[in-house]
Amino acid sequence: MNGAKADLADRLSLTAAVFHLTRDGGLVTDPSNVSFQIQTGEQVARSIEFDAVLQTPGGLSLVATYTLTDSEVTRDTAIPIGNVLMNVPRHLGATVPEESDHSILRSLDELQRARLARHR
């Protein structure tokens, strides 16, 4: 695994990583019966991952992540070589807000309670 991280403007953090993983004897879904798994000879996954974290005023962070993965069977007696691994997405991404001090959740909770009190 190789990677790099940069902190920009005190509020923005960027991370990039490159992976090349080889696994012997990994379990994959049986192409003949998806209810079972079989052990393959060798699997390879090559990935690149990017993460960004933006700190906003008020203790809220916005996190965005993206991963591109190229996976395949490289040695096997049952599954054709070159088949993409099942349950390994080629593209995977997410955006998530995170709170460091829960002040926003407390404020929303107080607003909800005030709203409920008015409707009683």
PDB file of N, CA and C in Angstrom:
ATOM      1  N   MET A   1       0.841  -1.170   0.000  1.00  0.00           N
ATOM      2  CA  MET A   1       0.000   0.000   0.000  1.00  0.00           C
ATOM      3  C   MET A   1       0.887   1.235   0.000  1.00  0.00           C
ATOM      4  N   ASN A   2       0.550   2.165  -0.848  1.00  0.00           N
ATOM      5  CA  ASN A   2       1.223   3.454  -0.884  1.00  0.00           C
ATOM      6  C   ASN A   2       0.167   4.533  -0.770  1.00  0.00           C
ATOM      7  N   GLY A   3       0.517   5.658  -0.178  1.00  0.00           N
ATOM      8  CA  GLY A   3      -0.470   6.710  -0.035  1.00  0.00           C
ATOM      9  C   GLY A   3       0.165   8.050   0.244  1.00  0.00           C
ATOM     10  N   ALA A   4      -0.697   9.071   0.214  1.00  0.00           N
ATOM     11  CA  ALA A   4      -0.269  10.436   0.487  1.00  0.00           C
ATOM     12  C   ALA A   4      -1.406  11.167   1.174  1.00  0.00           C
ATOM     13  N   LYS A   5      -1.048  12.136   2.013  1.00  0.00           N
ATOM     14  CA  LYS A   5      -2.045  12.939   2.704  1.00  0.00           C
ATOM     15  C   LYS A   5      -1.607  14.387   2.659  1.00  0.00           C
ATOM     16  N   ALA A   6      -2.584  15.287   2.450  1.00  0.00           N
ATOM     17  CA  ALA A   6      -2.298  16.721   2.434  1.00  0.00           C
ATOM     18  C   ALA A   6      -3.374  17.447   3.222  1.00  0.00           C
ATOM     19  N   ASP A   7      -2.966  18.361   4.091  1.00  0.00           N
ATOM     20  CA  ASP A   7      -3.896  19.225   4.803  1.00  0.00           C
ATOM     21  C   ASP A   7      -3.816  20.599   4.165  1.00  0.00           C
ATOM     22  N   LEU A   8      -4.941  21.086   3.664  1.00  0.00           N
ATOM     23  CA  LEU A   8      -4.994  22.354   2.955  1.00  0.00           C
ATOM     24  C   LEU A   8      -5.866  23.348   3.721  1.00  0.00           C
ATOM     25  N   ALA A   9      -5.430  24.546   3.838  1.00  0.00           N
ATOM     26  CA  ALA A   9      -6.212  25.658   4.389  1.00  0.00           C
ATOM     27  C   ALA A   9      -6.808  25.373   5.767  1.00  0.00           C
ATOM     28  N   ASP A  10      -6.170  24.573   6.582  1.00  0.00           N
ATOM     29  CA  ASP A  10      -6.588  24.266   7.957  1.00  0.00           C
ATOM     30  C   ASP A  10      -7.956  23.605   8.071  1.00  0.00           C
ATOM     31  N   ARG A  11      -8.724  23.531   7.003  1.00  0.00           N
ATOM     32  CA  ARG A  11     -10.069  22.957   7.079  1.00  0.00           C
ATOM     33  C   ARG A  11     -10.282  21.818   6.094  1.00  0.00           C
ATOM     34  N   LEU A  12      -9.339  21.604   5.202  1.00  0.00           N
ATOM     35  CA  LEU A  12      -9.511  20.587   4.168  1.00  0.00           C
ATOM     36  C   LEU A  12      -8.352  19.603   4.217  1.00  0.00           C
ATOM     37  N   SER A  13      -8.692  18.322   4.304  1.00  0.00           N
ATOM     38  CA  SER A  13      -7.701  17.259   4.326  1.00  0.00           C
ATOM     39  C   SER A  13      -7.981  16.308   3.163  1.00  0.00           C
ATOM     40  N   LEU A  14      -6.962  15.985   2.395  1.00  0.00           N
ATOM     41  CA  LEU A  14      -7.093  15.074   1.263  1.00  0.00           C
ATOM     42  C   LEU A  14      -6.175  13.878   1.469  1.00  0.00           C
ATOM     43  N   THR A  15      -6.666  12.699   1.138  1.00  0.00           N
ATOM     44  CA  THR A  15      -5.888  11.470   1.257  1.00  0.00           C
ATOM     45  C   THR A  15      -6.061  10.652  -0.010  1.00  0.00           C
ATOM     46  N   ALA A  16      -4.973  10.070  -0.482  1.00  0.00           N
ATOM     47  CA  ALA A  16      -5.027   9.152  -1.622  1.00  0.00           C
ATOM     48  C   ALA A  16      -4.200   7.920  -1.260  1.00  0.00           C
ATOM     49  N   ALA A  17      -4.691   6.755  -1.694  1.00  0.00           N
ATOM     50  CA  ALA A  17      -3.970   5.513  -1.413  1.00  0.00           C
ATOM     51  C   ALA A  17      -4.114   4.572  -2.600  1.00  0.00           C
ATOM     52  N   VAL A  18      -3.069   3.774  -2.817  1.00  0.00           N
ATOM     53  CA  VAL A  18      -3.055   2.779  -3.887  1.00  0.00           C
ATOM     54  C   VAL A  18      -2.794   1.424  -3.242  1.00  0.00           C
ATOM     55  N   PHE A  19      -3.608   0.430  -3.602  1.00  0.00           N
ATOM     56  CA  PHE A  19      -3.480  -0.910  -3.045  1.00  0.00           C
ATOM     57  C   PHE A  19      -3.278  -1.931  -4.153  1.00  0.00           C
ATOM     58  N   HIS A  20      -2.502  -2.941  -3.883  1.00  0.00           N
ATOM     59  CA  HIS A  20      -2.389  -4.129  -4.743  1.00  0.00           C
ATOM     60  C   HIS A  20      -2.374  -5.318  -3.790  1.00  0.00           C
ATOM     61  N   LEU A  21      -3.502  -6.039  -3.736  1.00  0.00           N
ATOM     62  CA  LEU A  21      -3.649  -7.139  -2.791  1.00  0.00           C
ATOM     63  C   LEU A  21      -3.769  -8.457  -3.539  1.00  0.00           C
ATOM     64  N   THR A  22      -3.079  -9.465  -3.067  1.00  0.00           N
ATOM     65  CA  THR A  22      -3.170 -10.816  -3.621  1.00  0.00           C
ATOM     66  C   THR A  22      -3.586 -11.747  -2.491  1.00  0.00           C
ATOM     67  N   ARG A  23      -4.600 -12.576  -2.762  1.00  0.00           N
ATOM     68  CA  ARG A  23      -5.094 -13.500  -1.734  1.00  0.00           C
ATOM     69  C   ARG A  23      -5.169 -14.908  -2.308  1.00  0.00           C
ATOM     70  N   ASP A  24      -4.569 -15.847  -1.607  1.00  0.00           N
ATOM     71  CA  ASP A  24      -4.639 -17.255  -1.995  1.00  0.00           C
ATOM     72  C   ASP A  24      -5.801 -17.925  -1.273  1.00  0.00           C
ATOM     73  N   GLY A  25      -6.535 -18.769  -2.000  1.00  0.00           N
ATOM     74  CA  GLY A  25      -7.593 -19.573  -1.393  1.00  0.00           C
ATOM     75  C   GLY A  25      -8.761 -18.788  -0.852  1.00  0.00           C
ATOM     76  N   GLY A  26      -9.113 -17.677  -1.464  1.00  0.00           N
ATOM     77  CA  GLY A  26     -10.231 -16.872  -0.993  1.00  0.00           C
ATOM     78  C   GLY A  26     -11.574 -17.476  -1.356  1.00  0.00           C
ATOM     79  N   LEU A  27     -12.590 -17.177  -0.552  1.00  0.00           N
ATOM     80  CA  LEU A  27     -13.932 -17.668  -0.826  1.00  0.00           C
ATOM     81  C   LEU A  27     -14.657 -16.720  -1.774  1.00  0.00           C
ATOM     82  N   VAL A  28     -15.338 -17.308  -2.764  1.00  0.00           N
ATOM     83  CA  VAL A  28     -16.184 -16.545  -3.675  1.00  0.00           C
ATOM     84  C   VAL A  28     -17.493 -17.301  -3.846  1.00  0.00           C
ATOM     85  N   THR A  29     -18.514 -16.591  -4.328  1.00  0.00           N
ATOM     86  CA  THR A  29     -19.800 -17.221  -4.586  1.00  0.00           C
ATOM     87  C   THR A  29     -19.646 -18.243  -5.702  1.00  0.00           C
ATOM     88  N   ASP A  30     -20.208 -19.422  -5.492  1.00  0.00           N
ATOM     89  CA  ASP A  30     -20.157 -20.498  -6.479  1.00  0.00           C
ATOM     90  C   ASP A  30     -21.017 -20.104  -7.678  1.00  0.00           C
ATOM     91  N   PRO A  31     -20.426 -20.002  -8.881  1.00  0.00           N
ATOM     92  CA  PRO A  31     -21.223 -19.612 -10.049  1.00  0.00           C
ATOM     93  C   PRO A  31     -22.296 -20.638 -10.401  1.00  0.00           C
ATOM     94  N   SER A  32     -22.149 -21.880  -9.950  1.00  0.00           N
ATOM     95  CA  SER A  32     -23.144 -22.923 -10.219  1.00  0.00           C
ATOM     96  C   SER A  32     -24.312 -22.881  -9.227  1.00  0.00           C
ATOM     97  N   ASN A  33     -24.063 -22.348  -8.020  1.00  0.00           N
ATOM     98  CA  ASN A  33     -25.094 -22.280  -6.998  1.00  0.00           C
ATOM     99  C   ASN A  33     -24.767 -21.107  -6.077  1.00  0.00           C
ATOM    100  N   VAL A  34     -25.485 -19.999  -6.231  1.00  0.00           N
ATOM    101  CA  VAL A  34     -25.165 -18.776  -5.495  1.00  0.00           C
ATOM    102  C   VAL A  34     -25.415 -18.899  -3.991  1.00  0.00           C
ATOM    103  N   SER A  35     -26.003 -19.997  -3.540  1.00  0.00           N
ATOM    104  CA  SER A  35     -26.214 -20.221  -2.110  1.00  0.00           C
ATOM    105  C   SER A  35     -24.959 -20.749  -1.420  1.00  0.00           C
ATOM    106  N   PHE A  36     -23.954 -21.119  -2.208  1.00  0.00           N
ATOM    107  CA  PHE A  36     -22.728 -21.686  -1.659  1.00  0.00           C
ATOM    108  C   PHE A  36     -21.519 -20.854  -2.047  1.00  0.00           C
ATOM    109  N   GLN A  37     -20.420 -21.091  -1.336  1.00  0.00           N
ATOM    110  CA  GLN A  37     -19.147 -20.472  -1.664  1.00  0.00           C
ATOM    111  C   GLN A  37     -18.131 -21.563  -1.948  1.00  0.00           C
ATOM    112  N   ILE A  38     -17.174 -21.222  -2.816  1.00  0.00           N
ATOM    113  CA  ILE A  38     -16.073 -22.142  -3.096  1.00  0.00           C
ATOM    114  C   ILE A  38     -14.766 -21.396  -2.899  1.00  0.00           C
ATOM    115  N   GLN A  39     -13.715 -22.160  -2.680  1.00  0.00           N
ATOM    116  CA  GLN A  39     -12.391 -21.580  -2.479  1.00  0.00           C
ATOM    117  C   GLN A  39     -11.665 -21.551  -3.817  1.00  0.00           C
ATOM    118  N   THR A  40     -11.195 -20.368  -4.212  1.00  0.00           N
ATOM    119  CA  THR A  40     -10.486 -20.249  -5.481  1.00  0.00           C
ATOM    120  C   THR A  40      -8.987 -20.307  -5.239  1.00  0.00           C
ATOM    121  N   GLY A  41      -8.237 -20.431  -6.323  1.00  0.00           N
ATOM    122  CA  GLY A  41      -6.783 -20.505  -6.223  1.00  0.00           C
ATOM    123  C   GLY A  41      -6.144 -19.205  -5.796  1.00  0.00           C
ATOM    124  N   GLU A  42      -6.345 -18.145  -6.591  1.00  0.00           N
ATOM    125  CA  GLU A  42      -5.718 -16.856  -6.270  1.00  0.00           C
ATOM    126  C   GLU A  42      -6.588 -15.729  -6.803  1.00  0.00           C
ATOM    127  N   GLN A  43      -6.693 -14.671  -6.008  1.00  0.00           N
ATOM    128  CA  GLN A  43      -7.448 -13.481  -6.382  1.00  0.00           C
ATOM    129  C   GLN A  43      -6.547 -12.263  -6.255  1.00  0.00           C
ATOM    130  N   VAL A  44      -6.742 -11.306  -7.150  1.00  0.00           N
ATOM    131  CA  VAL A  44      -5.971 -10.071  -7.102  1.00  0.00           C
ATOM    132  C   VAL A  44      -6.939  -8.892  -7.144  1.00  0.00           C
ATOM    133  N   ALA A  45      -6.667  -7.895  -6.323  1.00  0.00           N
ATOM    134  CA  ALA A  45      -7.437  -6.653  -6.331  1.00  0.00           C
ATOM    135  C   ALA A  45      -6.464  -5.485  -6.353  1.00  0.00           C
ATOM    136  N   ARG A  46      -6.685  -4.591  -7.294  1.00  0.00           N
ATOM    137  CA  ARG A  46      -5.906  -3.354  -7.393  1.00  0.00           C
ATOM    138  C   ARG A  46      -6.876  -2.201  -7.204  1.00  0.00           C
ATOM    139  N   SER A  47      -6.549  -1.303  -6.284  1.00  0.00           N
ATOM    140  CA  SER A  47      -7.479  -0.222  -5.944  1.00  0.00           C
ATOM    141  C   SER A  47      -6.762   1.104  -5.813  1.00  0.00           C
ATOM    142  N   ILE A  48      -7.525   2.156  -6.062  1.00  0.00           N
ATOM    143  CA  ILE A  48      -7.079   3.510  -5.755  1.00  0.00           C
ATOM    144  C   ILE A  48      -8.215   4.163  -4.980  1.00  0.00           C
ATOM    145  N   GLU A  49      -7.856   4.857  -3.911  1.00  0.00           N
ATOM    146  CA  GLU A  49      -8.866   5.423  -3.021  1.00  0.00           C
ATOM    147  C   GLU A  49      -8.554   6.888  -2.764  1.00  0.00           C
ATOM    148  N   PHE A  50      -9.603   7.706  -2.765  1.00  0.00           N
ATOM    149  CA  PHE A  50      -9.485   9.133  -2.472  1.00  0.00           C
ATOM    150  C   PHE A  50     -10.448   9.485  -1.352  1.00  0.00           C
ATOM    151  N   ASP A  51      -9.981  10.269  -0.390  1.00  0.00           N
ATOM    152  CA  ASP A  51     -10.817  10.755   0.706  1.00  0.00           C
ATOM    153  C   ASP A  51     -10.608  12.258   0.839  1.00  0.00           C
ATOM    154  N   ALA A  52     -11.682  12.957   1.169  1.00  0.00           N
ATOM    155  CA  ALA A  52     -11.607  14.386   1.454  1.00  0.00           C
ATOM    156  C   ALA A  52     -12.437  14.661   2.698  1.00  0.00           C
ATOM    157  N   VAL A  53     -11.888  15.474   3.602  1.00  0.00           N
ATOM    158  CA  VAL A  53     -12.603  15.869   4.812  1.00  0.00           C
ATOM    159  C   VAL A  53     -12.565  17.389   4.892  1.00  0.00           C
ATOM    160  N   LEU A  54     -13.751  17.989   4.923  1.00  0.00           N
ATOM    161  CA  LEU A  54     -13.876  19.439   5.039  1.00  0.00           C
ATOM    162  C   LEU A  54     -14.460  19.765   6.409  1.00  0.00           C
ATOM    163  N   GLN A  55     -13.690  20.507   7.233  1.00  0.00           N
ATOM    164  CA  GLN A  55     -14.148  20.938   8.549  1.00  0.00           C
ATOM    165  C   GLN A  55     -14.925  22.239   8.377  1.00  0.00           C
ATOM    166  N   THR A  56     -16.161  22.270   8.862  1.00  0.00           N
ATOM    167  CA  THR A  56     -16.959  23.484   8.775  1.00  0.00           C
ATOM    168  C   THR A  56     -17.082  24.092  10.161  1.00  0.00           C
ATOM    169  N   PRO A  57     -17.401  25.379  10.238  1.00  0.00           N
ATOM    170  CA  PRO A  57     -17.620  25.988  11.553  1.00  0.00           C
ATOM    171  C   PRO A  57     -18.770  25.279  12.270  1.00  0.00           C
ATOM    172  N   GLY A  58     -18.691  25.188  13.579  1.00  0.00           N
ATOM    173  CA  GLY A  58     -19.755  24.566  14.346  1.00  0.00           C
ATOM    174  C   GLY A  58     -19.542  23.091  14.614  1.00  0.00           C
ATOM    175  N   GLY A  59     -18.369  22.556  14.296  1.00  0.00           N
ATOM    176  CA  GLY A  59     -18.074  21.180  14.638  1.00  0.00           C
ATOM    177  C   GLY A  59     -18.553  20.129  13.654  1.00  0.00           C
ATOM    178  N   LEU A  60     -18.990  20.540  12.466  1.00  0.00           N
ATOM    179  CA  LEU A  60     -19.451  19.583  11.460  1.00  0.00           C
ATOM    180  C   LEU A  60     -18.342  19.341  10.438  1.00  0.00           C
ATOM    181  N   SER A  61     -18.130  18.071  10.109  1.00  0.00           N
ATOM    182  CA  SER A  61     -17.181  17.707   9.058  1.00  0.00           C
ATOM    183  C   SER A  61     -17.944  17.025   7.933  1.00  0.00           C
ATOM    184  N   LEU A  62     -17.583  17.318   6.719  1.00  0.00           N
ATOM    185  CA  LEU A  62     -18.150  16.642   5.561  1.00  0.00           C
ATOM    186  C   LEU A  62     -17.075  15.721   5.003  1.00  0.00           C
ATOM    187  N   VAL A  63     -17.389  14.443   4.914  1.00  0.00           N
ATOM    188  CA  VAL A  63     -16.430  13.436   4.469  1.00  0.00           C
ATOM    189  C   VAL A  63     -16.916  12.870   3.138  1.00  0.00           C
ATOM    190  N   ALA A  64     -16.034  12.838   2.153  1.00  0.00           N
ATOM    191  CA  ALA A  64     -16.346  12.234   0.855  1.00  0.00           C
ATOM    192  C   ALA A  64     -15.252  11.223   0.532  1.00  0.00           C
ATOM    193  N   THR A  65     -15.654  10.066   0.030  1.00  0.00           N
ATOM    194  CA  THR A  65     -14.688   9.026  -0.300  1.00  0.00           C
ATOM    195  C   THR A  65     -15.081   8.342  -1.595  1.00  0.00           C
ATOM    196  N   TYR A  66     -14.076   7.919  -2.361  1.00  0.00           N
ATOM    197  CA  TYR A  66     -14.309   7.196  -3.615  1.00  0.00           C
ATOM    198  C   TYR A  66     -13.209   6.148  -3.772  1.00  0.00           C
ATOM    199  N   THR A  67     -13.607   4.937  -4.172  1.00  0.00           N
ATOM    200  CA  THR A  67     -12.655   3.861  -4.422  1.00  0.00           C
ATOM    201  C   THR A  67     -12.960   3.219  -5.765  1.00  0.00           C
ATOM    202  N   LEU A  68     -11.931   3.018  -6.567  1.00  0.00           N
ATOM    203  CA  LEU A  68     -12.018   2.295  -7.834  1.00  0.00           C
ATOM    204  C   LEU A  68     -11.208   1.015  -7.657  1.00  0.00           C
ATOM    205  N   THR A  69     -11.859  -0.144  -7.878  1.00  0.00           N
ATOM    206  CA  THR A  69     -11.197  -1.429  -7.670  1.00  0.00           C
ATOM    207  C   THR A  69     -11.289  -2.285  -8.926  1.00  0.00           C
ATOM    208  N   ASP A  70     -10.169  -2.830  -9.327  1.00  0.00           N
ATOM    209  CA  ASP A  70     -10.093  -3.800 -10.416  1.00  0.00           C
ATOM    210  C   ASP A  70      -9.735  -5.131  -9.775  1.00  0.00           C
ATOM    211  N   SER A  71     -10.693  -6.086  -9.786  1.00  0.00           N
ATOM    212  CA  SER A  71     -10.436  -7.373  -9.139  1.00  0.00           C
ATOM    213  C   SER A  71     -10.636  -8.495 -10.138  1.00  0.00           C
ATOM    214  N   GLU A  72      -9.893  -9.589  -9.930  1.00  0.00           N
ATOM    215  CA  GLU A  72     -10.032 -10.732 -10.835  1.00  0.00           C
ATOM    216  C   GLU A  72      -9.475 -11.998 -10.202  1.00  0.00           C
ATOM    217  N   VAL A  73      -9.948 -13.112 -10.745  1.00  0.00           N
ATOM    218  CA  VAL A  73      -9.384 -14.409 -10.399  1.00  0.00           C
ATOM    219  C   VAL A  73      -8.155 -14.599 -11.284  1.00  0.00           C
ATOM    220  N   THR A  74      -7.007 -14.899 -10.678  1.00  0.00           N
ATOM    221  CA  THR A  74      -5.777 -15.046 -11.469  1.00  0.00           C
ATOM    222  C   THR A  74      -5.298 -16.495 -11.576  1.00  0.00           C
ATOM    223  N   ARG A  75      -5.815 -17.364 -10.690  1.00  0.00           N
ATOM    224  CA  ARG A  75      -5.448 -18.782 -10.766  1.00  0.00           C
ATOM    225  C   ARG A  75      -6.564 -19.589 -10.130  1.00  0.00           C
ATOM    226  N   ASP A  76      -7.091 -20.590 -10.873  1.00  0.00           N
ATOM    227  CA  ASP A  76      -8.167 -21.401 -10.336  1.00  0.00           C
ATOM    228  C   ASP A  76      -8.425 -22.602 -11.233  1.00  0.00           C
ATOM    229  N   THR A  77      -9.063 -23.618 -10.677  1.00  0.00           N
ATOM    230  CA  THR A  77      -9.424 -24.791 -11.464  1.00  0.00           C
ATOM    231  C   THR A  77     -10.913 -24.825 -11.782  1.00  0.00           C
ATOM    232  N   ALA A  78     -11.741 -24.047 -11.049  1.00  0.00           N
ATOM    233  CA  ALA A  78     -13.185 -24.072 -11.263  1.00  0.00           C
ATOM    234  C   ALA A  78     -13.723 -22.797 -11.902  1.00  0.00           C
ATOM    235  N   ILE A  79     -13.160 -21.654 -11.551  1.00  0.00           N
ATOM    236  CA  ILE A  79     -13.650 -20.363 -12.062  1.00  0.00           C
ATOM    237  C   ILE A  79     -12.702 -19.889 -13.156  1.00  0.00           C
ATOM    238  N   PRO A  80     -13.249 -19.414 -14.275  1.00  0.00           N
ATOM    239  CA  PRO A  80     -12.382 -18.946 -15.363  1.00  0.00           C
ATOM    240  C   PRO A  80     -11.453 -17.819 -14.910  1.00  0.00           C
ATOM    241  N   ILE A  81     -10.204 -17.921 -15.296  1.00  0.00           N
ATOM    242  CA  ILE A  81      -9.221 -16.880 -14.978  1.00  0.00           C
ATOM    243  C   ILE A  81      -9.655 -15.588 -15.663  1.00  0.00           C
ATOM    244  N   GLY A  82      -9.547 -14.500 -14.926  1.00  0.00           N
ATOM    245  CA  GLY A  82      -9.956 -13.202 -15.448  1.00  0.00           C
ATOM    246  C   GLY A  82     -11.345 -12.786 -15.000  1.00  0.00           C
ATOM    247  N   ASN A  83     -12.130 -13.715 -14.430  1.00  0.00           N
ATOM    248  CA  ASN A  83     -13.455 -13.355 -13.918  1.00  0.00           C
ATOM    249  C   ASN A  83     -13.326 -12.317 -12.813  1.00  0.00           C
ATOM    250  N   VAL A  84     -14.233 -11.354 -12.831  1.00  0.00           N
ATOM    251  CA  VAL A  84     -14.294 -10.345 -11.777  1.00  0.00           C
ATOM    252  C   VAL A  84     -14.840 -11.005 -10.519  1.00  0.00           C
ATOM    253  N   LEU A  85     -14.294 -10.635  -9.368  1.00  0.00           N
ATOM    254  CA  LEU A  85     -14.760 -11.194  -8.101  1.00  0.00           C
ATOM    255  C   LEU A  85     -16.159 -10.674  -7.785  1.00  0.00           C
ATOM    256  N   MET A  86     -17.045 -11.595  -7.425  1.00  0.00           N
ATOM    257  CA  MET A  86     -18.396 -11.198  -7.025  1.00  0.00           C
ATOM    258  C   MET A  86     -18.329 -10.485  -5.687  1.00  0.00           C
ATOM    259  N   ASN A  87     -19.247  -9.571  -5.462  1.00  0.00           N
ATOM    260  CA  ASN A  87     -19.362  -8.802  -4.217  1.00  0.00           C
ATOM    261  C   ASN A  87     -18.184  -7.866  -3.983  1.00  0.00           C
ATOM    262  N   VAL A  88     -17.432  -7.557  -5.021  1.00  0.00           N
ATOM    263  CA  VAL A  88     -16.378  -6.545  -4.939  1.00  0.00           C
ATOM    264  C   VAL A  88     -16.758  -5.461  -5.941  1.00  0.00           C
ATOM    265  N   PRO A  89     -17.299  -4.335  -5.461  1.00  0.00           N
ATOM    266  CA  PRO A  89     -17.742  -3.302  -6.396  1.00  0.00           C
ATOM    267  C   PRO A  89     -16.570  -2.648  -7.120  1.00  0.00           C
ATOM    268  N   ARG A  90     -16.782  -2.342  -8.387  1.00  0.00           N
ATOM    269  CA  ARG A  90     -15.744  -1.632  -9.149  1.00  0.00           C
ATOM    270  C   ARG A  90     -15.647  -0.184  -8.675  1.00  0.00           C
ATOM    271  N   HIS A  91     -16.796   0.439  -8.461  1.00  0.00           N
ATOM    272  CA  HIS A  91     -16.856   1.829  -7.976  1.00  0.00           C
ATOM    273  C   HIS A  91     -17.589   1.842  -6.640  1.00  0.00           C
ATOM    274  N   LEU A  92     -17.027   2.547  -5.677  1.00  0.00           N
ATOM    275  CA  LEU A  92     -17.655   2.669  -4.368  1.00  0.00           C
ATOM    276  C   LEU A  92     -17.389   4.075  -3.851  1.00  0.00           C
ATOM    277  N   GLY A  93     -18.423   4.749  -3.432  1.00  0.00           N
ATOM    278  CA  GLY A  93     -18.252   6.105  -2.928  1.00  0.00           C
ATOM    279  C   GLY A  93     -19.280   6.424  -1.869  1.00  0.00           C
ATOM    280  N   ALA A  94     -18.998   7.450  -1.100  1.00  0.00           N
ATOM    281  CA  ALA A  94     -19.919   7.881  -0.050  1.00  0.00           C
ATOM    282  C   ALA A  94     -19.623   9.319   0.326  1.00  0.00           C
ATOM    283  N   THR A  95     -20.656   9.992   0.784  1.00  0.00           N
ATOM    284  CA  THR A  95     -20.507  11.300   1.422  1.00  0.00           C
ATOM    285  C   THR A  95     -21.233  11.208   2.757  1.00  0.00           C
ATOM    286  N   VAL A  96     -20.563  11.640   3.809  1.00  0.00           N
ATOM    287  CA  VAL A  96     -21.094  11.477   5.153  1.00  0.00           C
ATOM    288  C   VAL A  96     -20.806  12.734   5.968  1.00  0.00           C
ATOM    289  N   PRO A  97     -21.822  13.284   6.632  1.00  0.00           N
ATOM    290  CA  PRO A  97     -21.535  14.357   7.592  1.00  0.00           C
ATOM    291  C   PRO A  97     -21.155  13.739   8.932  1.00  0.00           C
ATOM    292  N   GLU A  98     -20.200  14.333   9.610  1.00  0.00           N
ATOM    293  CA  GLU A  98     -19.788  13.867  10.942  1.00  0.00           C
ATOM    294  C   GLU A  98     -19.748  15.063  11.877  1.00  0.00           C
ATOM    295  N   GLU A  99     -20.115  14.815  13.119  1.00  0.00           N
ATOM    296  CA  GLU A  99     -20.070  15.859  14.129  1.00  0.00           C
ATOM    297  C   GLU A  99     -18.992  15.563  15.151  1.00  0.00           C
ATOM    298  N   SER A 100     -18.246  16.573  15.544  1.00  0.00           N
ATOM    299  CA  SER A 100     -17.214  16.347  16.553  1.00  0.00           C
ATOM    300  C   SER A 100     -17.735  16.604  17.962  1.00  0.00           C
ATOM    301  N   ASP A 101     -18.692  17.508  18.112  1.00  0.00           N
ATOM    302  CA  ASP A 101     -19.155  17.831  19.475  1.00  0.00           C
ATOM    303  C   ASP A 101     -20.660  17.637  19.669  1.00  0.00           C
ATOM    304  N   HIS A 102     -21.365  17.138  18.685  1.00  0.00           N
ATOM    305  CA  HIS A 102     -22.795  16.846  18.756  1.00  0.00           C
ATOM    306  C   HIS A 102     -23.655  18.071  19.019  1.00  0.00           C
ATOM    307  N   SER A 103     -23.120  19.279  18.833  1.00  0.00           N
ATOM    308  CA  SER A 103     -23.903  20.488  19.108  1.00  0.00           C
ATOM    309  C   SER A 103     -25.066  20.629  18.138  1.00  0.00           C
ATOM    310  N   ILE A 104     -24.865  20.230  16.895  1.00  0.00           N
ATOM    311  CA  ILE A 104     -25.951  20.344  15.922  1.00  0.00           C
ATOM    312  C   ILE A 104     -27.076  19.382  16.277  1.00  0.00           C
ATOM    313  N   LEU A 105     -26.735  18.160  16.663  1.00  0.00           N
ATOM    314  CA  LEU A 105     -27.768  17.203  17.056  1.00  0.00           C
ATOM    315  C   LEU A 105     -28.532  17.702  18.282  1.00  0.00           C
ATOM    316  N   ARG A 106     -27.823  18.307  19.249  1.00  0.00           N
ATOM    317  CA  ARG A 106     -28.507  18.856  20.419  1.00  0.00           C
ATOM    318  C   ARG A 106     -29.446  19.969  19.999  1.00  0.00           C
ATOM    319  N   SER A 107     -29.007  20.838  19.089  1.00  0.00           N
ATOM    320  CA  SER A 107     -29.854  21.934  18.623  1.00  0.00           C
ATOM    321  C   SER A 107     -31.084  21.401  17.908  1.00  0.00           C
ATOM    322  N   LEU A 108     -30.921  20.392  17.055  1.00  0.00           N
ATOM    323  CA  LEU A 108     -32.058  19.807  16.354  1.00  0.00           C
ATOM    324  C   LEU A 108     -33.005  19.143  17.342  1.00  0.00           C
ATOM    325  N   ASP A 109     -32.466  18.473  18.365  1.00  0.00           N
ATOM    326  CA  ASP A 109     -33.286  17.835  19.381  1.00  0.00           C
ATOM    327  C   ASP A 109     -34.095  18.887  20.149  1.00  0.00           C
ATOM    328  N   GLU A 110     -33.457  20.006  20.493  1.00  0.00           N
ATOM    329  CA  GLU A 110     -34.166  21.079  21.197  1.00  0.00           C
ATOM    330  C   GLU A 110     -35.258  21.669  20.326  1.00  0.00           C
ATOM    331  N   LEU A 111     -34.989  21.863  19.040  1.00  0.00           N
ATOM    332  CA  LEU A 111     -36.016  22.373  18.121  1.00  0.00           C
ATOM    333  C   LEU A 111     -37.183  21.402  18.016  1.00  0.00           C
ATOM    334  N   GLN A 112     -36.896  20.121  17.948  1.00  0.00           N
ATOM    335  CA  GLN A 112     -37.952  19.108  17.858  1.00  0.00           C
ATOM    336  C   GLN A 112     -38.815  19.128  19.120  1.00  0.00           C
ATOM    337  N   ARG A 113     -38.166  19.228  20.287  1.00  0.00           N
ATOM    338  CA  ARG A 113     -38.936  19.278  21.544  1.00  0.00           C
ATOM    339  C   ARG A 113     -39.803  20.532  21.619  1.00  0.00           C
ATOM    340  N   ALA A 114     -39.256  21.668  21.171  1.00  0.00           N
ATOM    341  CA  ALA A 114     -40.031  22.916  21.175  1.00  0.00           C
ATOM    342  C   ALA A 114     -41.220  22.805  20.230  1.00  0.00           C
ATOM    343  N   ARG A 115     -41.009  22.204  19.106  1.00  0.00           N
ATOM    344  CA  ARG A 115     -42.084  22.028  18.121  1.00  0.00           C
ATOM    345  C   ARG A 115     -43.182  21.120  18.678  1.00  0.00           C
ATOM    346  N   LEU A 116     -42.778  20.029  19.332  1.00  0.00           N
ATOM    347  CA  LEU A 116     -43.745  19.121  19.930  1.00  0.00           C
ATOM    348  C   LEU A 116     -44.520  19.802  21.066  1.00  0.00           C
ATOM    349  N   ALA A 117     -43.825  20.635  21.860  1.00  0.00           N
ATOM    350  CA  ALA A 117     -44.486  21.318  22.964  1.00  0.00           C
ATOM    351  C   ALA A 117     -45.551  22.283  22.457  1.00  0.00           C
ATOM    352  N   ARG A 118     -45.299  22.932  21.297  1.00  0.00           N
ATOM    353  CA  ARG A 118     -46.280  23.867  20.735  1.00  0.00           C
ATOM    354  C   ARG A 118     -47.524  23.162  20.232  1.00  0.00           C
ATOM    355  N   HIS A 119     -47.388  21.914  19.818  1.00  0.00           N
ATOM    356  CA  HIS A 119     -48.520  21.186  19.221  1.00  0.00           C
ATOM    357  C   HIS A 119     -49.308  20.381  20.245  1.00  0.00           C
ATOM    358  N   ARG A 120     -48.997  20.509  21.507  1.00  0.00           N
ATOM    359  CA  ARG A 120     -49.742  19.762  22.544  1.00  0.00           C
ATOM    360  C   ARG A 120     -50.923  20.528  23.021  1.00  0.00           C
TER     361      ARG A 120
END
